[in-house]
N, C-alpha and C. Protein backbone atom coordinates (compact mmCIF):
# COMPACT_ATOMS: atom_id res chain seq x y z
N MET A 1 -42.24 39.05 5.14
CA MET A 1 -41.06 37.61 4.38
C MET A 1 -40.56 37.46 4.80
N ARG A 2 -39.26 38.54 5.00
CA ARG A 2 -38.20 37.29 5.73
C ARG A 2 -38.53 36.69 7.52
N GLU A 3 -39.90 37.51 7.64
CA GLU A 3 -40.61 37.24 8.98
C GLU A 3 -40.96 35.81 9.00
N ASN A 4 -41.92 35.45 7.93
CA ASN A 4 -42.01 33.94 7.25
C ASN A 4 -41.35 32.85 7.44
N PHE A 5 -39.86 33.36 6.65
CA PHE A 5 -38.83 32.79 6.14
C PHE A 5 -38.11 32.08 7.72
N ASN A 6 -37.73 33.00 8.91
CA ASN A 6 -37.71 32.53 10.25
C ASN A 6 -38.22 32.12 10.43
N ASN A 7 -39.61 32.68 10.58
CA ASN A 7 -40.81 31.10 11.15
C ASN A 7 -40.81 29.84 10.69
N TRP A 8 -40.55 30.16 9.58
CA TRP A 8 -40.41 28.43 8.76
C TRP A 8 -38.61 27.60 8.99
N VAL A 9 -37.50 28.09 9.25
CA VAL A 9 -36.82 28.23 9.44
C VAL A 9 -36.47 27.30 11.01
N SER A 10 -37.20 28.24 11.81
CA SER A 10 -37.41 27.69 13.16
C SER A 10 -38.34 25.91 13.48
N ARG A 11 -39.14 26.28 12.86
CA ARG A 11 -40.06 24.73 12.56
C ARG A 11 -39.57 23.59 11.81
N GLN A 12 -38.47 24.30 11.21
CA GLN A 12 -37.90 23.34 10.26
C GLN A 12 -36.89 22.62 11.47
N LEU A 13 -36.09 23.45 12.22
CA LEU A 13 -35.65 23.24 12.94
C LEU A 13 -35.89 22.31 14.14
N GLN A 14 -37.16 22.28 14.49
CA GLN A 14 -37.70 21.71 15.76
C GLN A 14 -38.37 20.31 15.06
N GLY A 15 -38.16 20.41 13.76
CA GLY A 15 -39.01 19.08 13.13
C GLY A 15 -39.99 19.25 13.00
N GLN A 16 -41.25 20.08 12.80
CA GLN A 16 -42.34 20.80 12.81
C GLN A 16 -43.13 20.76 11.45
N ALA A 17 -41.84 21.62 10.48
CA ALA A 17 -42.16 22.20 9.17
C ALA A 17 -41.83 21.15 8.09
N PRO A 18 -42.79 21.76 6.91
CA PRO A 18 -42.07 20.27 6.16
C PRO A 18 -40.94 20.97 5.45
N GLY A 19 -40.68 20.25 3.71
CA GLY A 19 -39.23 20.66 3.58
C GLY A 19 -38.98 21.93 3.12
N ALA A 20 -38.66 22.40 2.44
CA ALA A 20 -38.25 23.66 1.84
C ALA A 20 -39.64 24.02 0.85
N PRO A 21 -39.68 25.43 1.47
CA PRO A 21 -40.97 25.86 0.61
C PRO A 21 -40.81 25.79 -0.84
N GLY A 22 -41.42 25.76 -1.53
CA GLY A 22 -41.79 25.31 -2.94
C GLY A 22 -40.81 23.70 -3.51
N GLU A 23 -40.69 22.88 -2.57
CA GLU A 23 -40.43 21.52 -3.17
C GLU A 23 -41.23 20.46 -2.79
N ALA A 24 -40.97 19.41 -3.54
CA ALA A 24 -42.21 18.74 -3.35
C ALA A 24 -41.87 17.26 -2.59
N GLY A 25 -40.81 17.85 -1.51
CA GLY A 25 -40.40 16.66 -0.60
C GLY A 25 -39.10 16.42 -0.81
N GLU A 26 -38.66 15.25 -0.40
CA GLU A 26 -37.14 14.83 -0.96
C GLU A 26 -37.19 14.05 -1.83
N ARG A 27 -35.79 14.70 -2.27
CA ARG A 27 -35.58 14.37 -3.58
C ARG A 27 -34.47 13.12 -3.89
N ARG A 28 -33.86 12.90 -2.53
CA ARG A 28 -32.69 11.86 -2.68
C ARG A 28 -32.83 10.47 -2.47
N SER A 29 -32.47 9.83 -2.86
CA SER A 29 -32.64 8.45 -2.76
C SER A 29 -32.35 7.68 -1.61
N ARG A 30 -32.84 6.54 -0.84
CA ARG A 30 -32.87 6.09 0.41
C ARG A 30 -31.37 5.54 0.36
N ALA A 31 -31.11 4.87 -0.52
CA ALA A 31 -29.71 4.47 -0.71
C ALA A 31 -28.09 5.26 -0.41
N ASP A 32 -27.50 4.99 1.12
CA ASP A 32 -26.22 5.75 1.16
C ASP A 32 -25.53 5.50 0.44
N ARG A 33 -24.76 6.60 -1.10
CA ARG A 33 -23.66 5.44 -1.57
C ARG A 33 -22.54 5.27 -0.87
N ARG A 34 -22.17 5.87 0.45
CA ARG A 34 -20.63 5.94 1.10
C ARG A 34 -21.25 4.54 1.83
N HIS A 35 -21.92 4.02 1.89
CA HIS A 35 -22.38 2.30 2.65
C HIS A 35 -21.79 1.09 2.03
N ARG A 36 -21.89 1.35 0.22
CA ARG A 36 -21.20 0.71 -0.70
C ARG A 36 -19.85 1.13 -1.24
N VAL A 37 -18.96 0.22 0.02
CA VAL A 37 -17.50 0.60 -0.23
C VAL A 37 -16.89 -1.05 -0.96
N PHE A 38 -17.43 -2.29 -1.38
CA PHE A 38 -16.76 -2.80 -2.16
C PHE A 38 -17.01 -2.14 -3.59
N TRP A 39 -18.07 -1.72 -3.88
CA TRP A 39 -18.62 -1.14 -5.15
C TRP A 39 -17.81 -0.17 -5.53
N SER A 40 -18.13 0.84 -4.45
CA SER A 40 -16.96 2.23 -4.74
C SER A 40 -15.22 1.20 -5.22
N ALA A 41 -14.66 0.60 -4.56
CA ALA A 41 -13.78 0.04 -4.86
C ALA A 41 -13.46 -0.56 -6.19
N VAL A 42 -14.65 -1.32 -6.59
CA VAL A 42 -14.54 -1.36 -8.30
C VAL A 42 -14.52 -0.32 -9.03
N TYR A 43 -15.50 0.23 -8.94
CA TYR A 43 -15.68 1.41 -9.59
C TYR A 43 -14.59 2.39 -9.75
N GLY A 44 -13.46 2.80 -8.35
CA GLY A 44 -12.98 3.63 -8.64
C GLY A 44 -11.57 2.92 -9.57
N SER A 45 -11.57 1.80 -9.06
CA SER A 45 -10.27 0.81 -10.09
C SER A 45 -10.26 0.90 -12.07
N PHE A 46 -11.70 0.73 -11.89
CA PHE A 46 -11.59 0.93 -13.50
C PHE A 46 -12.14 2.85 -13.84
N ASN A 47 -12.63 3.47 -12.92
CA ASN A 47 -12.88 4.66 -13.34
C ASN A 47 -12.23 5.96 -12.35
N PRO A 48 -10.68 5.78 -12.50
CA PRO A 48 -10.10 6.62 -11.48
C PRO A 48 -10.32 8.12 -11.76
N ARG A 49 -10.30 8.90 -10.89
CA ARG A 49 -10.22 10.29 -11.28
C ARG A 49 -9.23 10.64 -11.05
N ARG A 50 -8.54 10.69 -10.10
CA ARG A 50 -6.76 11.21 -9.58
C ARG A 50 -5.85 10.72 -10.71
N ARG A 51 -5.80 10.70 -11.99
CA ARG A 51 -3.98 9.86 -12.13
C ARG A 51 -2.93 10.58 -12.01
N ARG A 52 -2.97 11.84 -12.24
CA ARG A 52 -1.82 12.41 -11.71
C ARG A 52 -1.98 13.56 -10.99
N PRO A 53 -0.99 14.22 -10.05
CA PRO A 53 -0.84 15.38 -9.65
C PRO A 53 -1.66 16.65 -9.77
N PRO A 54 -2.28 17.72 -9.47
CA PRO A 54 -2.57 18.81 -10.29
C PRO A 54 -1.07 19.53 -10.97
N ARG A 55 -1.31 20.39 -12.15
CA ARG A 55 -0.27 20.35 -12.75
C ARG A 55 0.64 21.83 -11.86
N ARG A 56 -0.23 22.35 -11.03
CA ARG A 56 0.05 24.07 -11.20
C ARG A 56 1.00 23.69 -9.20
N LEU A 57 1.12 22.53 -9.15
CA LEU A 57 1.85 22.60 -7.44
C LEU A 57 2.93 21.40 -7.30
N ASP A 58 4.04 22.22 -6.81
CA ASP A 58 5.53 21.69 -6.92
C ASP A 58 5.44 20.29 -6.28
N ASP A 59 6.70 19.70 -6.74
CA ASP A 59 6.84 18.07 -6.09
C ASP A 59 7.14 18.18 -4.63
N SER A 60 7.36 18.98 -3.59
CA SER A 60 7.50 18.88 -2.79
C SER A 60 6.34 18.85 -1.78
N ARG A 61 5.28 18.49 -2.08
CA ARG A 61 3.69 18.40 -1.40
C ARG A 61 3.29 17.10 -1.73
N TYR A 62 2.72 16.24 -0.77
CA TYR A 62 2.07 14.89 -1.24
C TYR A 62 0.77 15.28 -2.03
N HIS A 63 0.63 14.82 -3.23
CA HIS A 63 -0.60 14.81 -3.70
C HIS A 63 -1.31 13.05 -3.96
N ALA A 64 -2.24 12.99 -3.72
CA ALA A 64 -3.25 11.85 -3.64
C ALA A 64 -3.25 11.66 -5.31
N VAL A 65 -3.21 10.35 -5.62
CA VAL A 65 -3.89 9.90 -6.91
C VAL A 65 -3.85 8.52 -6.49
N ASP A 66 -4.95 8.22 -7.41
CA ASP A 66 -5.79 6.90 -7.49
C ASP A 66 -5.28 5.59 -8.72
N TRP A 67 -4.63 6.42 -9.17
CA TRP A 67 -4.09 5.31 -10.67
C TRP A 67 -2.43 5.68 -10.21
N HIS A 68 -2.24 4.09 -10.29
CA HIS A 68 -0.46 3.79 -10.38
C HIS A 68 -0.78 3.08 -11.82
N SER A 69 1.04 3.15 -12.14
CA SER A 69 1.36 2.74 -13.57
C SER A 69 1.09 0.97 -12.92
N ALA A 70 1.32 0.79 -14.44
CA ALA A 70 1.76 -0.80 -14.27
C ALA A 70 2.32 -1.17 -14.17
N HIS A 71 3.81 -0.92 -14.44
CA HIS A 71 5.12 -1.50 -14.18
C HIS A 71 4.97 -1.43 -13.03
N LEU A 72 4.79 -0.60 -11.83
CA LEU A 72 4.41 -0.49 -10.18
C LEU A 72 4.25 -1.47 -9.81
N LEU A 73 3.26 -1.95 -10.28
CA LEU A 73 2.67 -3.43 -9.75
C LEU A 73 3.76 -4.33 -10.06
N ALA A 74 4.43 -4.64 -11.06
CA ALA A 74 5.01 -5.29 -11.61
C ALA A 74 6.72 -5.79 -10.99
N VAL A 75 7.06 -4.28 -10.43
CA VAL A 75 8.16 -4.03 -9.31
C VAL A 75 7.47 -4.43 -7.78
N SER A 76 6.59 -4.35 -7.91
CA SER A 76 6.13 -4.52 -6.25
C SER A 76 5.77 -6.09 -6.17
N LEU A 77 5.18 -6.94 -7.31
CA LEU A 77 4.83 -8.31 -6.83
C LEU A 77 6.13 -8.73 -7.30
N GLY A 78 7.35 -8.47 -7.87
CA GLY A 78 8.70 -9.03 -8.57
C GLY A 78 9.14 -8.83 -6.71
N ILE A 79 9.54 -7.72 -5.81
CA ILE A 79 10.00 -7.39 -4.73
C ILE A 79 9.57 -8.38 -3.93
N LEU A 80 7.91 -8.56 -3.42
CA LEU A 80 7.41 -9.65 -2.56
C LEU A 80 7.86 -10.69 -2.94
N ILE A 81 7.65 -11.37 -3.90
CA ILE A 81 8.07 -12.51 -4.62
C ILE A 81 9.96 -12.80 -3.77
N LEU A 82 10.61 -12.09 -4.44
CA LEU A 82 12.07 -12.37 -4.08
C LEU A 82 11.82 -12.15 -2.14
N SER A 83 11.36 -11.52 -1.72
CA SER A 83 11.47 -11.30 -0.52
C SER A 83 10.98 -12.83 0.36
N VAL A 84 9.94 -13.75 -0.44
CA VAL A 84 9.31 -15.02 -0.03
C VAL A 84 10.60 -15.68 -0.22
N ALA A 85 11.07 -15.69 -1.02
CA ALA A 85 12.60 -16.71 -1.67
C ALA A 85 13.37 -16.93 -0.64
N ASP A 86 13.93 -15.02 -0.30
CA ASP A 86 14.96 -14.62 0.50
C ASP A 86 14.66 -15.30 1.63
N ALA A 87 13.32 -15.10 2.36
CA ALA A 87 12.93 -15.78 3.80
C ALA A 87 13.44 -17.56 3.91
N PHE A 88 12.58 -18.33 2.51
CA PHE A 88 12.84 -19.25 2.44
C PHE A 88 14.26 -20.06 2.41
N MET A 89 15.56 -19.02 1.64
CA MET A 89 16.80 -19.74 1.18
C MET A 89 17.65 -19.18 2.89
N THR A 90 17.15 -18.17 3.26
CA THR A 90 17.65 -17.54 5.00
C THR A 90 17.61 -18.81 5.64
N LEU A 91 16.32 -19.20 6.15
CA LEU A 91 15.78 -20.93 6.67
C LEU A 91 16.37 -21.59 6.20
N ARG A 92 16.92 -21.89 5.28
CA ARG A 92 17.71 -23.30 4.85
C ARG A 92 19.39 -23.05 4.79
N LEU A 93 19.83 -21.98 4.83
CA LEU A 93 21.40 -21.39 5.05
C LEU A 93 20.98 -21.56 6.71
N ILE A 94 20.18 -21.02 7.36
CA ILE A 94 20.59 -21.31 9.02
C ILE A 94 20.41 -22.46 9.78
N SER A 95 19.56 -22.96 8.60
CA SER A 95 19.73 -24.86 9.25
C SER A 95 20.98 -25.41 8.95
N GLU A 96 21.65 -24.87 8.06
CA GLU A 96 23.12 -25.45 7.77
C GLU A 96 23.98 -25.10 8.41
N GLY A 97 23.89 -23.89 9.56
CA GLY A 97 25.01 -23.29 10.00
C GLY A 97 25.44 -21.35 9.60
N ALA A 98 25.12 -20.92 8.72
CA ALA A 98 24.66 -19.94 8.18
C ALA A 98 24.06 -19.18 9.77
N VAL A 99 24.74 -17.70 9.60
CA VAL A 99 24.00 -16.58 10.42
C VAL A 99 23.21 -15.65 9.74
N GLU A 100 22.45 -15.13 10.79
CA GLU A 100 21.26 -13.86 10.37
C GLU A 100 22.56 -12.62 10.06
N VAL A 101 22.63 -11.78 9.24
CA VAL A 101 23.09 -10.68 9.56
C VAL A 101 22.25 -9.55 9.78
N ASN A 102 20.63 -9.23 9.78
CA ASN A 102 19.86 -8.73 9.82
C ASN A 102 19.88 -8.68 11.68
N PRO A 103 19.99 -8.29 12.63
CA PRO A 103 20.10 -8.04 13.28
C PRO A 103 18.54 -8.09 14.36
N LEU A 104 17.51 -7.50 13.71
CA LEU A 104 16.25 -7.80 14.18
C LEU A 104 15.63 -8.73 13.72
N MET A 105 15.67 -9.69 12.57
CA MET A 105 15.17 -10.75 12.21
C MET A 105 16.10 -11.72 12.68
N ALA A 106 17.26 -11.63 13.29
CA ALA A 106 18.16 -12.39 13.69
C ALA A 106 17.35 -13.29 15.43
N LEU A 107 16.74 -12.20 16.06
CA LEU A 107 16.09 -12.08 17.01
C LEU A 107 15.15 -13.43 17.04
N PHE A 108 14.62 -13.34 15.99
CA PHE A 108 13.82 -14.07 15.54
C PHE A 108 13.88 -15.52 15.28
N VAL A 109 15.34 -15.86 14.77
CA VAL A 109 15.68 -16.54 14.14
C VAL A 109 16.40 -17.67 14.87
N VAL A 110 17.09 -17.26 16.15
CA VAL A 110 17.74 -17.42 16.97
C VAL A 110 16.61 -18.23 18.21
N HIS A 111 15.82 -17.87 18.41
CA HIS A 111 14.93 -18.21 19.23
C HIS A 111 13.91 -18.91 18.95
N GLY A 112 13.82 -19.47 17.42
CA GLY A 112 13.00 -20.16 16.90
C GLY A 112 12.03 -20.13 16.39
N ASP A 113 11.50 -18.96 16.36
CA ASP A 113 10.04 -18.76 16.26
C ASP A 113 10.49 -18.35 14.34
N ILE A 114 10.47 -19.48 13.82
CA ILE A 114 10.15 -18.93 12.19
C ILE A 114 9.05 -18.27 11.99
N ALA A 115 7.80 -18.76 12.93
CA ALA A 115 6.51 -18.28 12.15
C ALA A 115 6.42 -16.55 11.86
N MET A 116 6.79 -16.20 13.24
CA MET A 116 7.10 -14.71 13.79
C MET A 116 8.14 -14.24 12.55
N PHE A 117 8.89 -14.79 12.61
CA PHE A 117 10.37 -14.54 11.36
C PHE A 117 9.76 -14.15 10.16
N ALA A 118 9.04 -15.39 9.49
CA ALA A 118 8.02 -14.94 8.30
C ALA A 118 7.11 -13.75 8.53
N ALA A 119 5.95 -13.95 9.58
CA ALA A 119 5.23 -13.07 9.55
C ALA A 119 5.62 -11.16 9.67
N LEU A 120 6.69 -11.42 10.35
CA LEU A 120 7.33 -9.78 10.32
C LEU A 120 8.47 -9.59 9.23
N LYS A 121 8.51 -10.24 8.41
CA LYS A 121 9.41 -9.97 7.16
C LYS A 121 8.31 -9.78 6.07
N MET A 122 7.67 -10.62 6.34
CA MET A 122 6.21 -10.29 4.64
C MET A 122 5.79 -8.78 5.66
N ALA A 123 5.41 -8.93 6.63
CA ALA A 123 4.64 -7.45 7.25
C ALA A 123 5.08 -6.31 6.83
N MET A 124 6.51 -6.17 7.23
CA MET A 124 7.84 -5.08 6.79
C MET A 124 7.87 -4.97 5.45
N THR A 125 7.91 -5.84 4.63
CA THR A 125 8.00 -6.24 3.33
C THR A 125 7.16 -5.00 2.48
N GLY A 126 5.97 -5.29 2.86
CA GLY A 126 4.79 -5.61 2.48
C GLY A 126 4.34 -4.03 3.05
N THR A 127 4.37 -3.49 3.77
CA THR A 127 4.35 -2.24 4.31
C THR A 127 4.84 -1.32 3.14
N SER A 128 6.67 -1.05 3.76
CA SER A 128 7.00 -0.72 2.90
C SER A 128 6.92 0.01 0.98
N VAL A 129 6.59 -1.47 0.84
CA VAL A 129 6.41 -1.46 -1.01
C VAL A 129 4.91 -0.66 -1.10
N MET A 130 4.05 -0.77 -0.41
CA MET A 130 3.08 -0.53 -0.38
C MET A 130 3.04 1.42 -0.33
N LEU A 131 3.89 1.30 1.23
CA LEU A 131 3.94 3.34 1.03
C LEU A 131 5.06 3.33 -0.19
N MET A 132 6.23 3.05 -0.46
CA MET A 132 6.80 3.72 -2.01
C MET A 132 6.07 3.71 -2.82
N VAL A 133 5.08 2.49 -3.48
CA VAL A 133 4.01 2.95 -4.29
C VAL A 133 3.43 3.70 -4.49
N PHE A 134 2.70 3.99 -3.28
CA PHE A 134 2.16 5.56 -3.04
C PHE A 134 2.54 6.74 -3.07
N LEU A 135 4.03 6.96 -3.10
CA LEU A 135 5.21 7.89 -2.94
C LEU A 135 5.85 8.07 -4.24
N ALA A 136 5.26 7.46 -5.04
CA ALA A 136 6.32 6.80 -6.30
C ALA A 136 7.02 8.25 -6.94
N ARG A 137 5.57 9.17 -7.07
CA ARG A 137 6.17 9.90 -8.26
C ARG A 137 6.95 11.07 -7.54
N HIS A 138 6.97 10.80 -6.05
CA HIS A 138 7.90 12.11 -5.30
C HIS A 138 9.39 12.02 -5.41
N ARG A 139 10.32 13.01 -5.26
CA ARG A 139 11.39 12.46 -5.21
C ARG A 139 12.55 12.41 -3.48
N PHE A 140 12.63 11.44 -3.22
CA PHE A 140 13.34 11.35 -2.21
C PHE A 140 14.53 12.22 -1.60
N MET A 141 14.51 13.09 -0.94
CA MET A 141 15.32 14.58 -0.51
C MET A 141 15.30 15.26 -1.62
N ARG A 142 14.61 15.27 -2.47
CA ARG A 142 14.75 16.19 -3.75
C ARG A 142 15.66 15.71 -4.58
N VAL A 143 15.73 14.43 -4.46
CA VAL A 143 16.91 14.25 -5.52
C VAL A 143 16.78 13.38 -6.71
N VAL A 144 16.50 11.87 -5.93
CA VAL A 144 15.89 10.77 -6.56
C VAL A 144 14.26 10.58 -6.57
N ARG A 145 13.64 10.08 -7.43
CA ARG A 145 12.58 9.54 -7.36
C ARG A 145 12.10 8.41 -6.75
N VAL A 146 11.13 8.18 -5.96
CA VAL A 146 10.96 7.07 -5.07
C VAL A 146 10.58 5.95 -6.47
N GLU A 147 10.25 5.97 -7.37
CA GLU A 147 10.15 5.08 -8.55
C GLU A 147 11.33 4.31 -8.95
N VAL A 148 12.79 5.28 -8.59
CA VAL A 148 14.18 4.41 -9.12
C VAL A 148 14.22 4.29 -8.01
N ILE A 149 14.08 4.25 -6.47
CA ILE A 149 14.48 3.34 -5.25
C ILE A 149 13.89 2.41 -5.43
N LEU A 150 12.79 1.94 -5.92
CA LEU A 150 11.65 1.06 -5.90
C LEU A 150 12.48 -0.09 -6.88
N TYR A 151 13.04 0.25 -8.02
CA TYR A 151 13.80 -0.38 -8.95
C TYR A 151 15.12 -0.80 -8.20
N GLY A 152 15.72 0.02 -8.03
CA GLY A 152 17.14 -0.20 -6.86
C GLY A 152 16.86 -1.70 -6.00
N ILE A 153 15.77 -1.65 -5.54
CA ILE A 153 15.42 -2.95 -4.05
C ILE A 153 15.24 -3.97 -4.72
N LEU A 154 14.61 -3.57 -6.04
CA LEU A 154 14.16 -5.16 -6.94
C LEU A 154 15.49 -6.01 -7.76
N VAL A 155 16.47 -4.52 -8.02
CA VAL A 155 17.68 -5.44 -8.33
C VAL A 155 18.69 -5.88 -7.00
N ALA A 156 18.76 -5.06 -5.91
CA ALA A 156 19.10 -5.23 -4.72
C ALA A 156 18.90 -7.16 -4.42
N TYR A 157 17.38 -6.91 -4.31
CA TYR A 157 16.66 -8.76 -3.55
C TYR A 157 17.57 -9.29 -4.98
N MET A 158 17.68 -9.31 -6.14
CA MET A 158 18.02 -10.06 -7.47
C MET A 158 19.28 -10.78 -6.94
N VAL A 159 20.23 -9.95 -6.81
CA VAL A 159 22.06 -9.80 -6.37
C VAL A 159 21.56 -10.79 -5.07
N LEU A 160 20.43 -10.47 -4.07
CA LEU A 160 21.08 -10.99 -2.80
C LEU A 160 20.32 -12.72 -3.36
N ILE A 161 19.56 -13.12 -3.85
CA ILE A 161 18.87 -14.01 -4.31
C ILE A 161 20.03 -14.73 -5.09
N GLY A 162 20.41 -14.36 -5.89
CA GLY A 162 22.19 -14.63 -6.69
C GLY A 162 23.24 -15.19 -5.32
N HIS A 163 23.73 -14.47 -4.34
CA HIS A 163 24.45 -14.91 -3.50
C HIS A 163 23.92 -16.04 -2.69
N GLU A 164 22.97 -15.98 -2.34
CA GLU A 164 22.09 -16.91 -1.64
C GLU A 164 22.03 -18.39 -2.07
N LEU A 165 21.74 -18.11 -3.57
CA LEU A 165 22.29 -19.34 -4.14
C LEU A 165 23.21 -20.31 -4.27
N GLY A 166 24.30 -18.81 -4.85
CA GLY A 166 25.86 -19.41 -4.54
C GLY A 166 26.01 -20.12 -3.08
N MET A 167 25.47 -19.97 -1.85
CA MET A 167 25.93 -20.04 -0.91
C MET A 167 24.95 -21.17 -0.87
N LEU A 168 24.08 -21.91 -1.26
CA LEU A 168 23.42 -23.02 -0.81
C LEU A 168 23.86 -23.89 -2.01
N GLN A 169 25.08 -23.62 -3.08
CA GLN A 169 25.17 -24.80 -4.32
C GLN A 169 26.61 -24.94 -3.09
N GLY A 170 26.87 -24.62 -2.45
CA GLY A 170 28.06 -24.64 -1.86
C GLY A 170 28.00 -25.83 -0.46
N VAL A 171 26.84 -26.02 -0.29
CA VAL A 171 26.49 -26.71 0.74
C VAL A 171 26.45 -28.16 -0.11
N ALA A 172 26.66 -29.55 0.76
CA ALA A 172 26.55 -30.77 0.28
C ALA A 172 25.53 -30.99 -0.52
N ASP A 173 24.15 -31.17 0.50
CA ASP A 173 23.41 -31.86 0.13
C ASP A 173 22.03 -30.49 -0.01
N LEU A 174 22.15 -30.60 -1.03
CA LEU A 174 20.73 -29.31 -1.74
C LEU A 174 19.08 -29.90 -1.61
N ARG A 175 19.05 -29.52 -0.34
CA ARG A 175 17.45 -30.21 -0.61
C ARG A 175 16.40 -28.80 -0.04
N ILE A 176 15.89 -28.17 -0.92
CA ILE A 176 15.31 -26.93 -1.15
C ILE A 176 13.90 -27.50 -0.89
N PHE A 177 12.95 -28.27 -1.64
CA PHE A 177 12.02 -28.92 -1.52
C PHE A 177 11.52 -29.95 -0.81
C-alpha cells in the first residue's frame, strides 16, 4: 500500500499521474480570485473582516484593520482641504511680500517653482494623514492616541488659516480669486 502511494507521488511530481486517488479531477474553478483587484477592494470596503485589533494583544504592536471610523474620514478630508487653502493663501501672501517660515517649502517658493511647492505640500500632507489614519488606534509614545493627534492637527490648521486670513485682511488689495 505504501509503495503504491510512493509510486503515485513520484508520477504526480513528474506530471504523469492523474489527480489524487479517488478524485474525479480538478475541483477548483479556473478563475483565480487574486486577479480581481478592483472587486476585492469594493467587496472588502462593504464587508470588512478586521474591524478592531485582536482582544488578547496589547496596544504596543501594530494590528491591521480594514475598517476605520467614519469620523477619521471627516478629519482627514478637513486636514487636506485646509492644507490646500493654506497653500493658496501662502502663495498669495508671498506675492504680497511675506516670507515662508518652513525652510523646506521656502526652497521651492524662493526659486519660483510653484508647481513643485504645491505637489510636495500635498504629497507630504496626504502621506502623513494616511499613515496616521492607519495608526489611529495606537498610542504615540504610549501616551496619546494618534487619533487625538489628528484632531490636534485639524485644529492647528484652523488656527493657521485664521491667522493667514487676518494677514490677508491687512493687505490693501484683497484679490484671492
